[in-house]
Protein backbone atom coordinates (compact mmCIF):
# COMPACT_ATOMS: atom_id res chain seq x y z
CA MET A 1 5.30 69.88 181.80
CA THR A 2 3.58 67.67 179.24
CA MET A 3 4.87 64.22 178.31
CA LEU A 4 2.30 63.12 175.77
CA PRO A 5 2.90 59.64 174.37
CA ARG A 6 4.15 59.87 170.79
CA SER A 7 2.36 57.81 168.20
CA ASP A 8 5.66 56.82 166.55
CA ARG A 9 7.00 55.27 169.76
CA ALA A 10 6.00 52.43 172.03
CA THR A 11 3.85 53.77 174.85
CA TYR A 12 4.78 53.56 178.51
CA THR A 13 1.81 52.92 180.81
CA PRO A 14 2.94 53.42 184.42
CA ALA A 15 1.34 50.85 186.71
CA LEU A 16 -0.36 53.24 189.10
CA GLN A 17 -0.39 52.00 192.69
CA PRO A 18 -3.37 52.39 195.05
CA ASP A 19 -1.50 54.20 197.85
CA TYR A 20 -0.34 56.92 195.46
CA ALA A 21 -3.77 57.23 193.86
CA ALA A 22 -5.52 57.38 197.25
CA THR A 23 -3.27 60.11 198.64
CA VAL A 24 -3.58 62.29 195.54
CA SER A 25 -7.36 61.78 195.58
CA CYS A 26 -7.97 62.72 199.21
CA ASP A 27 -9.14 66.00 200.73
CA PRO A 28 -6.10 68.38 200.65
CA SER A 29 -6.99 69.68 204.11
CA LYS A 30 -6.20 66.22 205.50
CA ILE A 31 -2.63 66.33 204.18
CA ARG A 32 -0.37 68.20 206.62
CA ASP A 33 -3.44 70.17 207.71
CA GLY A 34 -3.51 71.70 204.25
CA ASN A 35 0.08 72.96 204.44
CA ILE A 36 1.27 71.74 201.04
CA PRO A 37 4.71 73.10 200.01
CA ALA A 38 4.54 76.54 198.41
CA GLY A 39 3.78 76.54 194.71
CA LEU A 40 2.14 73.10 194.81
CA ALA A 41 -1.38 71.74 195.07
CA LEU A 42 -2.30 68.13 195.76
CA SER A 43 -4.07 67.96 192.40
CA ASP A 44 -0.75 68.74 190.67
CA PHE A 45 0.33 65.15 191.35
CA ASN A 46 -2.50 63.74 189.23
CA PHE A 47 -0.45 63.14 186.10
CA LEU A 48 -3.50 61.81 184.23
CA ASN A 49 -5.08 65.26 184.43
CA PRO A 50 -4.43 67.19 181.18
CA GLY A 51 -2.72 70.52 181.69
CA GLY A 52 -1.32 69.60 185.08
CA ALA A 53 1.13 72.08 186.56
CA LEU A 54 3.87 69.46 186.99
CA LEU A 55 3.48 66.63 184.51
CA THR A 56 0.87 65.29 182.13
CA HIS A 57 1.15 61.67 181.05
CA PRO A 58 -2.45 60.83 180.18
CA ILE A 59 -2.20 57.04 180.15
CA ALA A 60 -1.69 54.49 182.92
CA LEU A 61 -2.37 50.92 183.93
CA TYR A 62 -4.38 50.16 187.07
CA SER A 63 -5.31 46.73 188.36
CA ALA A 64 -8.81 45.72 189.35
CA GLY A 65 -7.06 43.25 191.64
CA HIS A 66 -6.29 45.95 194.20
CA ASP A 67 -9.95 46.06 195.29
CA PRO A 68 -12.49 45.09 192.62
CA GLU A 69 -15.55 45.28 194.89
CA ASN A 70 -15.16 49.00 195.66
CA PRO A 71 -14.72 52.12 193.51
CA PRO A 72 -11.09 53.14 192.91
CA PRO A 73 -9.62 56.46 194.09
CA ALA A 74 -10.97 59.62 192.48
CA ILE A 75 -8.10 60.15 190.03
CA ILE A 76 -9.18 56.85 188.45
CA ARG A 77 -12.91 57.06 189.13
CA ASP A 78 -13.48 60.67 188.03
CA ARG A 79 -10.88 61.11 185.30
CA ASP A 80 -11.78 62.77 181.99
CA ARG A 81 -12.03 59.76 179.67
CA THR A 82 -11.95 61.99 176.59
CA LYS A 83 -8.45 63.18 177.54
CA SER A 84 -6.87 60.19 179.25
CA THR A 85 -6.59 56.43 178.76
CA LEU A 86 -6.66 53.71 181.39
CA ILE A 87 -5.61 50.13 180.74
CA GLY A 88 -7.23 47.91 183.34
CA ASP A 89 -5.41 44.83 184.53
CA SER A 90 -7.67 42.01 185.64
CA GLY A 91 -5.93 41.12 188.89
CA GLY A 92 -4.33 37.80 188.00
CA TYR A 93 -1.10 38.91 189.69
CA GLN A 94 -2.88 39.77 192.95
CA ILE A 95 -4.80 36.47 192.85
CA LYS A 96 -1.62 34.47 192.23
CA LYS A 97 0.19 36.24 195.10
CA GLY A 98 -2.73 35.74 197.48
CA LYS A 99 -3.38 39.48 197.77
CA LEU A 100 -6.92 39.08 196.43
CA THR A 101 -9.14 36.34 197.83
CA TRP A 102 -10.53 34.16 195.05
CA ARG A 103 -14.28 33.52 195.35
CA GLU A 104 -15.01 32.06 191.91
CA ASP A 105 -17.94 33.82 190.19
CA ARG A 106 -18.18 36.54 192.83
CA THR A 107 -14.61 37.59 192.07
CA ARG A 108 -15.06 37.20 188.33
CA GLN A 109 -18.16 39.41 188.39
CA ALA A 110 -16.51 42.08 190.54
CA ILE A 111 -13.49 42.24 188.22
CA LEU A 112 -15.67 42.33 185.11
CA GLU A 113 -17.82 45.18 186.45
CA PHE A 114 -14.78 47.13 187.63
CA LEU A 115 -13.09 46.92 184.23
CA GLU A 116 -16.25 47.71 182.28
CA THR A 117 -16.86 50.75 184.48
CA TYR A 118 -13.43 52.35 184.72
CA ALA A 119 -11.08 51.07 181.99
CA ASP A 120 -10.80 51.96 178.31
CA TYR A 121 -8.82 48.78 177.57
CA SER A 122 -8.90 45.70 179.80
CA MET A 123 -6.86 42.54 180.23
CA THR A 124 -8.60 39.19 180.23
CA LEU A 125 -8.39 37.19 183.46
CA ASP A 126 -5.86 34.45 182.85
CA HIS A 127 -4.60 31.71 185.14
CA PRO A 128 -0.84 31.87 184.56
CA PRO A 129 1.33 28.76 184.74
CA PRO A 130 3.58 28.50 187.80
CA SER A 131 7.04 29.96 187.45
CA VAL A 132 8.77 26.59 187.48
CA LYS A 133 12.54 26.48 187.13
CA GLY A 134 14.26 23.61 185.36
CA ASP A 135 11.94 21.06 183.77
CA LYS A 136 9.17 22.23 181.48
CA LEU A 137 5.56 22.06 182.56
CA ASP A 138 3.93 18.84 181.50
CA HIS A 139 0.91 18.98 179.22
CA ALA A 140 -1.55 18.32 182.06
CA GLU A 141 -0.28 21.28 184.10
CA LEU A 142 -0.48 23.64 181.14
CA GLN A 143 -3.92 22.35 180.19
CA ASN A 144 -5.14 22.90 183.75
CA CYS A 145 -4.10 26.57 183.54
CA LEU A 146 -5.80 26.89 180.16
CA ASP A 147 -8.99 25.24 181.39
CA LYS A 148 -9.22 27.72 184.28
CA THR A 149 -8.44 30.62 181.94
CA ASN A 150 -11.19 29.57 179.54
CA VAL A 151 -13.70 29.38 182.38
CA ASN A 152 -12.86 33.03 183.09
CA LEU A 153 -13.06 33.95 179.40
CA LYS A 154 -16.47 32.33 178.98
CA PHE A 155 -17.75 34.17 182.05
CA PHE A 156 -16.46 37.49 180.69
CA ASP A 157 -17.81 36.74 177.21
CA ARG A 158 -21.32 36.16 178.59
CA GLY A 159 -21.27 39.24 180.80
CA ARG A 160 -19.39 41.91 178.90
CA GLN A 161 -21.34 45.04 178.02
CA GLY A 162 -19.05 46.59 175.40
CA ARG A 163 -17.87 49.47 177.61
CA THR A 164 -14.21 48.44 177.47
CA LYS A 165 -11.95 46.98 174.78
CA TRP A 166 -10.49 43.59 175.67
CA ILE A 167 -6.85 42.54 175.38
CA ASN A 168 -6.23 38.79 175.37
CA VAL A 169 -3.44 37.72 177.74
CA ILE A 170 -0.86 35.18 176.51
CA GLN A 171 1.18 32.95 178.84
CA GLY A 172 3.88 30.34 178.31
CA ARG A 173 7.53 29.66 179.09
CA ASP A 174 8.58 28.93 175.53
CA MET A 175 7.17 29.32 172.05
CA LYS A 176 5.64 25.84 172.07
CA GLU A 177 3.65 26.57 175.23
CA ILE A 178 2.68 30.01 173.94
CA ALA A 179 1.38 28.55 170.67
CA VAL A 180 -0.77 26.06 172.60
CA TRP A 181 -2.05 28.90 174.77
CA ILE A 182 -2.93 31.13 171.82
CA GLU A 183 -4.78 28.37 170.01
CA SER A 184 -6.87 27.75 173.12
CA VAL A 185 -7.88 31.38 173.83
CA LYS A 186 -8.01 32.99 170.40
CA TRP A 187 -11.78 32.45 170.14
CA PHE A 188 -12.31 35.32 172.60
CA ASP A 189 -12.96 38.49 170.60
CA SER A 190 -10.36 41.12 171.48
CA VAL A 191 -8.54 44.17 170.10
CA GLY A 192 -5.08 42.92 170.95
CA TRP A 193 -2.69 40.72 172.87
CA ALA A 194 -0.68 41.01 176.08
CA ALA A 195 2.35 38.91 176.95
CA GLY A 196 3.03 37.85 180.51
CA GLY A 197 5.92 35.88 181.96
CA GLU A 198 9.65 36.05 181.34
CA PHE A 199 9.86 34.52 177.87
CA THR A 200 9.00 37.59 175.80
CA LEU A 201 11.32 39.87 177.76
CA ASN A 202 14.04 38.43 175.53
CA PRO A 203 13.98 40.50 172.29
CA ALA A 204 14.45 37.46 170.04
CA ASN A 205 11.56 35.65 171.70
CA LEU A 206 9.31 38.68 171.34
CA LEU A 207 10.08 38.86 167.62
CA GLU A 208 9.33 35.14 167.31
CA LEU A 209 5.94 35.69 168.95
CA MET A 210 5.15 38.62 166.66
CA ILE A 211 5.99 36.57 163.57
CA TYR A 212 3.78 33.73 164.85
CA LEU A 213 0.87 36.12 165.37
CA ARG A 214 1.40 37.71 161.96
CA ASP A 215 1.68 34.44 160.07
CA ASN A 216 -1.47 33.09 161.69
CA GLY A 217 -3.51 36.20 160.91
CA LEU A 218 -3.80 37.08 164.59
CA LEU A 219 -2.65 40.69 164.20
CA ASP A 220 -5.29 41.50 161.59
CA GLY A 221 -7.62 44.18 162.92
CA ARG A 222 -5.82 44.35 166.28
CA GLU A 223 -4.97 47.69 167.89
CA ILE A 224 -2.55 46.91 170.67
CA PHE A 225 0.18 44.60 171.94
CA HIS A 226 1.11 44.97 175.61
CA GLN A 227 4.23 43.70 177.37
CA PHE A 228 3.73 43.23 181.09
CA GLY A 229 5.98 44.30 183.88
CA LYS A 230 9.33 45.34 182.43
CA GLY A 231 10.04 49.00 181.97
CA SER A 232 13.77 49.12 181.31
CA ILE A 233 14.59 52.02 179.04
CA SER A 234 16.69 49.82 176.78
CA LEU A 235 13.76 47.47 176.15
CA ALA A 236 11.48 50.48 175.60
CA CYS A 237 13.70 51.56 172.71
CA PHE A 238 13.54 48.03 171.31
CA TYR A 239 9.73 48.02 171.54
CA THR A 240 9.69 51.25 169.53
CA GLU A 241 11.87 49.66 166.85
CA VAL A 242 9.46 46.71 166.66
CA GLN A 243 6.41 48.96 166.44
CA GLN A 244 7.95 51.08 163.68
CA ALA A 245 9.04 48.01 161.71
CA MET A 246 5.59 46.45 161.98
CA ARG A 247 3.88 49.60 160.81
CA GLN A 248 6.24 49.88 157.86
CA ALA A 249 5.22 46.32 157.01
CA GLY A 250 1.55 47.31 157.04
CA ILE A 251 0.73 46.05 160.55
CA ASP A 252 -0.91 49.02 162.25
CA ILE A 253 -0.46 48.20 165.91
CA THR A 254 0.62 50.09 169.03
CA ILE A 255 3.01 48.48 171.51
CA THR A 256 2.50 49.39 175.16
CA PHE A 257 4.48 48.32 178.21
CA ASP A 258 4.23 48.87 181.95
CA THR A 259 6.16 48.80 185.16
CA SER A 260 5.40 49.95 188.69
CA SER A 261 9.03 50.85 189.39
CA PRO A 262 8.57 54.63 189.87
CA PHE A 263 6.10 53.92 192.68
CA ARG A 264 7.29 50.69 194.30
CA MET A 265 11.02 51.42 194.19
CA THR A 266 10.45 54.15 196.76
CA GLY A 267 7.70 52.63 198.89
CA GLU A 268 9.19 49.13 199.11
CA TYR A 269 12.92 49.60 198.55
CA GLY A 270 13.68 53.16 199.65
CA ASN A 271 15.17 54.16 196.30
CA GLN A 272 14.75 57.08 193.92
CA TYR A 273 15.90 57.88 190.41
CA THR A 274 18.93 60.15 190.29
CA ASN A 275 20.34 60.90 186.83
CA PRO A 276 20.31 59.03 183.52
CA ALA A 277 23.44 57.58 181.96
CA PHE A 278 23.78 56.49 178.35
CA THR A 279 26.91 54.56 177.45
CA SER A 280 27.63 51.14 176.00
CA LYS A 281 27.83 49.81 179.59
CA CYS A 282 24.96 51.64 181.26
CA PHE A 283 21.86 52.67 179.35
CA GLY A 284 19.12 54.18 181.45
CA MET A 285 18.37 55.50 184.90
CA SER A 286 20.65 55.40 187.92
CA THR A 287 19.20 55.15 191.40
CA GLY A 288 20.17 56.05 194.93
CA LYS A 289 18.72 55.88 198.40
CA VAL A 290 16.04 58.39 199.34
CA PHE A 291 16.73 61.23 201.78
CA GLN A 292 14.79 60.57 204.98
CA GLY A 293 17.04 61.52 207.88
CA GLN A 294 15.56 63.65 210.65
CA CYS A 295 18.50 65.98 210.17
CA TYR A 296 16.65 67.29 207.10
CA VAL A 297 13.47 68.28 208.96
CA GLY A 298 13.11 72.02 208.32
CA SER A 299 16.06 72.00 205.88
CA ALA A 300 16.22 74.54 203.06
CA VAL A 301 18.60 72.36 201.02
CA PRO A 302 17.11 71.99 197.50
CA PHE A 303 16.18 68.54 196.23
CA PRO A 304 19.23 67.70 194.08
CA PHE A 305 17.80 65.78 191.12
CA THR A 306 15.98 67.02 188.03
CA SER A 307 12.21 66.82 187.73
CA ALA A 308 9.29 69.23 187.68
CA VAL A 309 8.54 68.71 191.35
CA GLY A 310 12.23 68.42 192.22
CA ARG A 311 12.80 72.02 191.16
CA LEU A 312 10.16 73.24 193.61
CA ILE A 313 10.92 71.36 196.81
CA THR A 314 13.56 71.22 199.51
CA LEU A 315 14.65 68.29 201.61
CA GLY A 316 12.67 69.92 204.40
CA ASP A 317 9.53 69.57 202.32
CA ILE A 318 10.13 65.81 202.16
CA CYS A 319 11.39 65.20 205.69
CA VAL A 320 8.74 66.54 208.05
CA GLN A 321 8.39 64.22 211.05
CA ARG A 322 10.56 64.38 214.18
CA GLY A 323 10.78 62.05 217.12
CA VAL A 324 13.03 59.31 218.42
CA LEU A 325 10.38 56.67 217.70
CA LYS A 326 9.99 57.69 214.06
CA ALA A 327 11.49 55.12 211.70
CA SER A 328 11.30 57.71 208.93
CA SER A 329 10.78 61.45 208.73
CA TRP A 330 8.39 60.95 205.81
CA ASP A 331 4.62 61.17 205.61
CA ALA A 332 2.19 60.21 202.80
CA LEU A 333 2.89 63.40 200.83
CA SER A 334 6.64 62.73 200.99
CA HIS A 335 6.05 59.43 199.21
CA VAL A 336 3.83 61.08 196.60
CA MET A 337 6.41 63.77 195.81
CA ILE A 338 9.29 61.33 195.32
CA LYS A 339 7.18 58.84 193.35
CA HIS A 340 6.07 61.68 191.09
CA HIS A 341 9.72 62.70 190.72
CA ASN A 342 10.58 59.11 189.76
CA LEU A 343 7.91 59.02 187.06
CA ASP A 344 9.03 62.38 185.66
CA ALA A 345 12.70 61.35 185.70
CA TYR A 346 11.91 58.05 183.99
CA LEU A 347 9.98 59.80 181.21
CA ARG A 348 12.82 62.28 180.70
CA GLY A 349 15.28 59.40 180.48
CA LEU A 350 13.00 57.66 178.02
CA GLU A 351 12.98 60.74 175.80
CA ILE A 352 16.79 60.96 175.79
CA ALA A 353 17.11 57.24 175.07
CA HIS A 354 14.79 57.41 172.08
CA ASN A 355 16.71 60.37 170.70
CA ILE A 356 19.93 58.36 170.99
CA SER A 357 18.28 55.36 169.37
CA ALA A 358 17.31 57.53 166.41
CA LEU A 359 20.95 58.39 165.69
CA ASP A 360 22.97 56.89 162.88
CA ASP A 361 24.33 53.47 163.85
CA LEU A 362 27.91 54.72 164.17
CA ASP A 363 26.86 57.38 166.65
CA ALA A 364 24.23 55.31 168.47
CA GLN A 365 26.67 52.50 169.23
CA ASN A 366 28.81 54.85 171.34
CA HIS A 367 25.87 55.39 173.68
CA SER A 368 24.04 52.05 173.51
CA PRO A 369 24.74 48.47 174.62
CA ARG A 370 25.78 46.11 171.84
CA TRP A 371 22.84 43.79 172.42
CA LEU A 372 20.43 46.66 171.75
CA MET A 373 22.17 47.45 168.47
CA PHE A 374 21.81 43.80 167.43
CA ALA A 375 18.17 43.71 168.52
CA ARG A 376 17.14 46.85 166.71
CA GLU A 377 18.79 45.67 163.50
CA ALA A 378 16.90 42.37 163.76
CA ALA A 379 13.62 44.23 164.33
CA ARG A 380 14.21 46.29 161.19
CA ARG A 381 14.82 43.16 159.10
CA VAL A 382 12.52 40.48 160.47
CA PHE A 383 9.23 41.76 159.02
CA LYS A 384 10.75 42.31 155.55
CA THR A 385 12.47 39.00 154.94
CA SER A 386 10.99 35.77 153.61
CA ASP A 387 13.05 33.88 156.23
CA PRO A 388 12.37 35.61 159.56
CA MET A 389 13.43 32.62 161.66
CA THR A 390 17.01 32.92 160.42
CA VAL A 391 17.08 36.54 161.58
CA ILE A 392 15.70 35.47 164.95
CA LYS A 393 18.18 32.59 165.23
CA HIS A 394 21.09 34.95 164.61
CA LEU A 395 19.75 37.41 167.18
CA LYS A 396 19.49 34.66 169.79
CA ARG A 397 23.13 33.82 169.15
CA ASP A 398 24.18 37.47 169.43
CA LEU A 399 22.23 37.93 172.66
CA ARG A 400 23.89 34.84 174.16
CA ASN A 401 27.31 36.13 173.17
CA GLU A 402 26.55 39.47 174.82
CA LYS A 403 25.20 37.71 177.94
CA ALA A 404 22.05 39.72 177.42
CA ASP A 405 19.91 37.38 179.53
CA LYS A 406 21.72 38.59 182.64
CA ILE A 407 21.50 42.21 181.53
CA LEU A 408 17.80 41.97 180.74
CA ALA A 409 17.10 40.42 184.14
CA GLU A 410 18.13 43.75 185.63
CA ASP A 411 16.80 47.22 184.90
CA ASP A 412 19.35 49.18 182.90
CA CYS A 413 21.99 50.44 185.35
CA ASN A 414 20.38 49.01 188.48
CA LYS A 415 18.84 45.82 189.82
CA ILE A 416 15.37 47.35 190.00
CA SER A 417 12.46 46.07 188.00
CA VAL A 418 9.12 45.87 189.76
């Protein structure tokens, strides 16, 4: 099955996780002694590989922050760069969470070399402001983050070799902070922008940022705008509306977005995608707990949910380990199969959602949340009008009335967004 990103839609870049990549990259003989379920090969789970037997989605995001001082797994390291695209994250998230030890220039150099070697597009290494609730950051705190970010930018600017295209990361908790941030980092030559933090997950705020960039000439000659870390299907449809409206206004840019949900929802939370639902109350993917009971070891019961791999496996192919001391009947391949199912199911749901979003308003509103209808109408108007801030102001009001902030904090039908 091929799920090639469509040029007329915002592009989903799954945030590939190192455990998945490592398992798919290893010697097949080391997985269940080579006893892969019938009809499958380990290489089939490499979705970046064009012409894969299960699924081809030839674009992903992978963070240098997982291990910048060593080569990544083979599906990243040895991929065909003429037929796939990798967006490299710089590892700011891992540094902030303490998952990557910060050693000043040693870490900067390792990240720079990793991105130049393996990524087609790469995020700059920012120092994000703390996620403070309540009072705004004072100027000194914001300036401290900017000073550290600019040290990183100057290091990258001196050392870059031109083997990757750079995307400048924007931070800030409101438009005032974001404007200060942009003015401080815009000197760094890049092909686009990426928004981090919670602020731009609100559709009205994202439109306000786009208008700011447009009016200050900061979209001229840019290729890409990336939204970090929120992959809800409803927001994906909104991103497509924004991209289409911008292109109609003569701004030739591609919007990309990422989430690690298909991978982490299983490994960390024990969940899997079940079936999509598209109503005014629930727009996107439903989830349920994974099947991991030892009662399924050796079972011939088919996997019940739709995906390319799901059609080929049984619950006995997933649940393979017995023993009273086993917390789970799963092994590494079990995780890979369900994570691949999740990615496939998400992409199928995304396709259905976009087809619904393309309907006439009267039909679309029967299958879409009201806030999304308001947001897409604002996106269609905001780049045409001489008074975009009025459009944005009205959208903010409509989103408040629909309590969209609470909805957008979740992931469609479920409280999963990782």
